[in-house]
Amino acid sequence: MDKQSNSLQQVYATEFDGQPIIAVRFRGQWCWVAAQVGRAIGYARGDRFADKFTGDWVDETIEGKDFEVLRHSDLNDFRKLWKEPTETGGSRQGRITILYEPGLHLAPNGLEHLRCIK
């Protein structure tokens, strides 16, 4: 596994099954872009995985704890830290769904090792 982090430890880049996954320290917590996680676990369109948090899994997830949908100024603040790789398709229609550590646990396929980022 390849790992890179910036000098301020605000961004941590790694990969899972050859797909890039970038963690960002945002508002004091590590988070992951849901669409990137979706691609890494096999979704052809990572945004479909991201949509599960506000759709299929809405009764099992807690916004603000498991995930957050960033828009407007929140999205602008996040983008200052996370430079969106164009090939991963993280944002759509002016929003990005991010996963906090509890939400990352909902992703199958062994992503548990990503939670060790502190």
C-alpha atoms as a PDB file:
ATOM      1  CA  MET A   1       0.000   0.000   0.000  1.00  0.00           C
ATOM      2  CA  ASP A   2       1.375   3.377  -1.012  1.00  0.00           C
ATOM      3  CA  LYS A   3       0.954   6.140   1.532  1.00  0.00           C
ATOM      4  CA  GLN A   4       1.662   9.834   1.284  1.00  0.00           C
ATOM      5  CA  SER A   5       0.794  12.657   3.601  1.00  0.00           C
ATOM      6  CA  ASN A   6       1.407  16.364   3.537  1.00  0.00           C
ATOM      7  CA  SER A   7       3.597  18.057   6.108  1.00  0.00           C
ATOM      8  CA  LEU A   8       0.636  19.372   8.098  1.00  0.00           C
ATOM      9  CA  GLN A   9      -0.973  15.918   8.307  1.00  0.00           C
ATOM     10  CA  GLN A  10      -4.186  17.347   6.880  1.00  0.00           C
ATOM     11  CA  VAL A  11      -4.248  15.055   3.852  1.00  0.00           C
ATOM     12  CA  TYR A  12      -3.375  11.374   3.742  1.00  0.00           C
ATOM     13  CA  ALA A  13      -3.266   9.568   0.403  1.00  0.00           C
ATOM     14  CA  THR A  14      -3.333   5.814   0.007  1.00  0.00           C
ATOM     15  CA  GLU A  15      -4.961   3.286  -2.278  1.00  0.00           C
ATOM     16  CA  PHE A  16      -7.189   0.259  -2.007  1.00  0.00           C
ATOM     17  CA  ASP A  17      -7.157  -2.335  -4.788  1.00  0.00           C
ATOM     18  CA  GLY A  18      -5.386   0.161  -7.039  1.00  0.00           C
ATOM     19  CA  GLN A  19      -7.925   2.938  -6.508  1.00  0.00           C
ATOM     20  CA  PRO A  20      -6.859   6.190  -4.824  1.00  0.00           C
ATOM     21  CA  ILE A  21      -8.376   7.031  -1.480  1.00  0.00           C
ATOM     22  CA  ILE A  22      -7.560  10.352   0.110  1.00  0.00           C
ATOM     23  CA  ALA A  23      -8.351  11.107   3.736  1.00  0.00           C
ATOM     24  CA  VAL A  24      -8.674  14.722   4.814  1.00  0.00           C
ATOM     25  CA  ARG A  25      -8.619  16.112   8.330  1.00  0.00           C
ATOM     26  CA  PHE A  26     -11.676  18.365   8.243  1.00  0.00           C
ATOM     27  CA  ARG A  27     -13.167  20.043  11.304  1.00  0.00           C
ATOM     28  CA  GLY A  28     -10.906  17.992  13.545  1.00  0.00           C
ATOM     29  CA  GLN A  29     -11.915  14.607  12.124  1.00  0.00           C
ATOM     30  CA  TRP A  30     -10.525  12.364   9.415  1.00  0.00           C
ATOM     31  CA  CYS A  31     -12.967  11.886   6.574  1.00  0.00           C
ATOM     32  CA  TRP A  32     -13.066  10.205   3.183  1.00  0.00           C
ATOM     33  CA  VAL A  33     -14.921  11.200   0.031  1.00  0.00           C
ATOM     34  CA  ALA A  34     -17.726   8.646  -0.320  1.00  0.00           C
ATOM     35  CA  ALA A  35     -17.485   8.497  -4.125  1.00  0.00           C
ATOM     36  CA  GLN A  36     -13.788   7.565  -3.909  1.00  0.00           C
ATOM     37  CA  VAL A  37     -14.574   4.860  -1.382  1.00  0.00           C
ATOM     38  CA  GLY A  38     -17.356   3.607  -3.636  1.00  0.00           C
ATOM     39  CA  ARG A  39     -14.995   3.275  -6.580  1.00  0.00           C
ATOM     40  CA  ALA A  40     -12.394   1.530  -4.455  1.00  0.00           C
ATOM     41  CA  ILE A  41     -14.879  -1.123  -3.338  1.00  0.00           C
ATOM     42  CA  GLY A  42     -16.102  -1.809  -6.853  1.00  0.00           C
ATOM     43  CA  TYR A  43     -18.883   0.600  -7.740  1.00  0.00           C
ATOM     44  CA  ALA A  44     -18.523   1.651 -11.392  1.00  0.00           C
ATOM     45  CA  ARG A  45     -19.934   5.009 -10.310  1.00  0.00           C
ATOM     46  CA  GLY A  46     -18.725   5.910  -6.849  1.00  0.00           C
ATOM     47  CA  ASP A  47     -21.501   8.459  -6.432  1.00  0.00           C
ATOM     48  CA  ARG A  48     -24.000   5.578  -6.278  1.00  0.00           C
ATOM     49  CA  PHE A  49     -22.307   4.408  -3.083  1.00  0.00           C
ATOM     50  CA  ALA A  50     -22.383   7.971  -1.749  1.00  0.00           C
ATOM     51  CA  ASP A  51     -26.117   8.183  -2.493  1.00  0.00           C
ATOM     52  CA  LYS A  52     -26.791   5.170  -0.239  1.00  0.00           C
ATOM     53  CA  PHE A  53     -26.189   7.346   2.834  1.00  0.00           C
ATOM     54  CA  THR A  54     -29.060   9.683   1.965  1.00  0.00           C
ATOM     55  CA  GLY A  55     -31.169   6.999   0.289  1.00  0.00           C
ATOM     56  CA  ASP A  56     -31.161   3.271   1.033  1.00  0.00           C
ATOM     57  CA  TRP A  57     -29.289   3.603   4.342  1.00  0.00           C
ATOM     58  CA  VAL A  58     -30.949   6.761   5.655  1.00  0.00           C
ATOM     59  CA  ASP A  59     -32.574   4.849   8.547  1.00  0.00           C
ATOM     60  CA  GLU A  60     -29.270   3.221   9.566  1.00  0.00           C
ATOM     61  CA  THR A  61     -26.963   6.227   9.334  1.00  0.00           C
ATOM     62  CA  ILE A  62     -26.643   9.499  11.185  1.00  0.00           C
ATOM     63  CA  GLU A  63     -25.757  12.641   9.287  1.00  0.00           C
ATOM     64  CA  GLY A  64     -22.983  14.468  11.107  1.00  0.00           C
ATOM     65  CA  LYS A  65     -21.699  11.263  12.703  1.00  0.00           C
ATOM     66  CA  ASP A  66     -21.442   8.711   9.869  1.00  0.00           C
ATOM     67  CA  PHE A  67     -21.425  11.091   6.926  1.00  0.00           C
ATOM     68  CA  GLU A  68     -22.049  14.648   5.858  1.00  0.00           C
ATOM     69  CA  VAL A  69     -23.197  16.167   2.590  1.00  0.00           C
ATOM     70  CA  LEU A  70     -21.131  19.289   2.014  1.00  0.00           C
ATOM     71  CA  ARG A  71     -22.567  22.199   0.062  1.00  0.00           C
ATOM     72  CA  HIS A  72     -21.877  25.906  -0.376  1.00  0.00           C
ATOM     73  CA  SER A  73     -19.347  27.346   2.102  1.00  0.00           C
ATOM     74  CA  ASP A  74     -18.754  23.953   3.741  1.00  0.00           C
ATOM     75  CA  LEU A  75     -17.876  22.515   0.342  1.00  0.00           C
ATOM     76  CA  ASN A  76     -15.588  25.458  -0.399  1.00  0.00           C
ATOM     77  CA  ASP A  77     -13.788  24.963   2.927  1.00  0.00           C
ATOM     78  CA  PHE A  78     -13.351  21.258   2.207  1.00  0.00           C
ATOM     79  CA  ARG A  79     -12.026  21.893  -1.291  1.00  0.00           C
ATOM     80  CA  LYS A  80      -9.268  24.083   0.144  1.00  0.00           C
ATOM     81  CA  LEU A  81      -7.863  20.909   1.697  1.00  0.00           C
ATOM     82  CA  TRP A  82      -8.906  18.292  -0.846  1.00  0.00           C
ATOM     83  CA  LYS A  83      -7.859  18.813  -4.434  1.00  0.00           C
ATOM     84  CA  GLU A  84     -10.371  16.698  -6.289  1.00  0.00           C
ATOM     85  CA  PRO A  85      -8.747  14.156  -8.593  1.00  0.00           C
ATOM     86  CA  THR A  86     -10.751  14.383 -11.799  1.00  0.00           C
ATOM     87  CA  GLU A  87     -10.666  10.635 -12.388  1.00  0.00           C
ATOM     88  CA  THR A  88     -12.421   9.853  -9.111  1.00  0.00           C
ATOM     89  CA  GLY A  89     -15.530  11.968  -9.594  1.00  0.00           C
ATOM     90  CA  GLY A  90     -15.954  13.098  -6.003  1.00  0.00           C
ATOM     91  CA  SER A  91     -18.378  15.970  -6.417  1.00  0.00           C
ATOM     92  CA  ARG A  92     -21.629  16.246  -8.248  1.00  0.00           C
ATOM     93  CA  GLN A  93     -24.042  19.126  -8.589  1.00  0.00           C
ATOM     94  CA  GLY A  94     -22.165  21.285  -6.110  1.00  0.00           C
ATOM     95  CA  ARG A  95     -21.959  18.758  -3.291  1.00  0.00           C
ATOM     96  CA  ILE A  96     -19.664  16.105  -1.884  1.00  0.00           C
ATOM     97  CA  THR A  97     -20.650  13.361   0.527  1.00  0.00           C
ATOM     98  CA  ILE A  98     -17.906  12.667   3.018  1.00  0.00           C
ATOM     99  CA  LEU A  99     -17.658   9.711   5.386  1.00  0.00           C
ATOM    100  CA  TYR A 100     -16.427   9.972   8.910  1.00  0.00           C
ATOM    101  CA  GLU A 101     -14.854   6.913  10.526  1.00  0.00           C
ATOM    102  CA  PRO A 102     -18.168   5.329  11.661  1.00  0.00           C
ATOM    103  CA  GLY A 103     -19.546   5.700   8.118  1.00  0.00           C
ATOM    104  CA  LEU A 104     -16.431   4.148   6.643  1.00  0.00           C
ATOM    105  CA  HIS A 105     -17.226   0.999   8.617  1.00  0.00           C
ATOM    106  CA  LEU A 106     -20.346   0.584   6.477  1.00  0.00           C
ATOM    107  CA  ALA A 107     -18.187   0.026   3.397  1.00  0.00           C
ATOM    108  CA  PRO A 108     -17.530  -3.672   2.784  1.00  0.00           C
ATOM    109  CA  ASN A 109     -14.321  -5.279   1.518  1.00  0.00           C
ATOM    110  CA  GLY A 110     -11.746  -4.699   4.208  1.00  0.00           C
ATOM    111  CA  LEU A 111     -11.473  -0.921   4.446  1.00  0.00           C
ATOM    112  CA  GLU A 112     -11.105  -1.222   8.212  1.00  0.00           C
ATOM    113  CA  HIS A 113      -7.380  -0.527   8.005  1.00  0.00           C
ATOM    114  CA  LEU A 114      -8.084   3.045   6.900  1.00  0.00           C
ATOM    115  CA  ARG A 115      -9.516   3.877  10.312  1.00  0.00           C
ATOM    116  CA  CYS A 116      -6.062   3.730  11.888  1.00  0.00           C
ATOM    117  CA  ILE A 117      -5.289   7.207  10.575  1.00  0.00           C
ATOM    118  CA  LYS A 118      -5.083   9.464  13.634  1.00  0.00           C
END
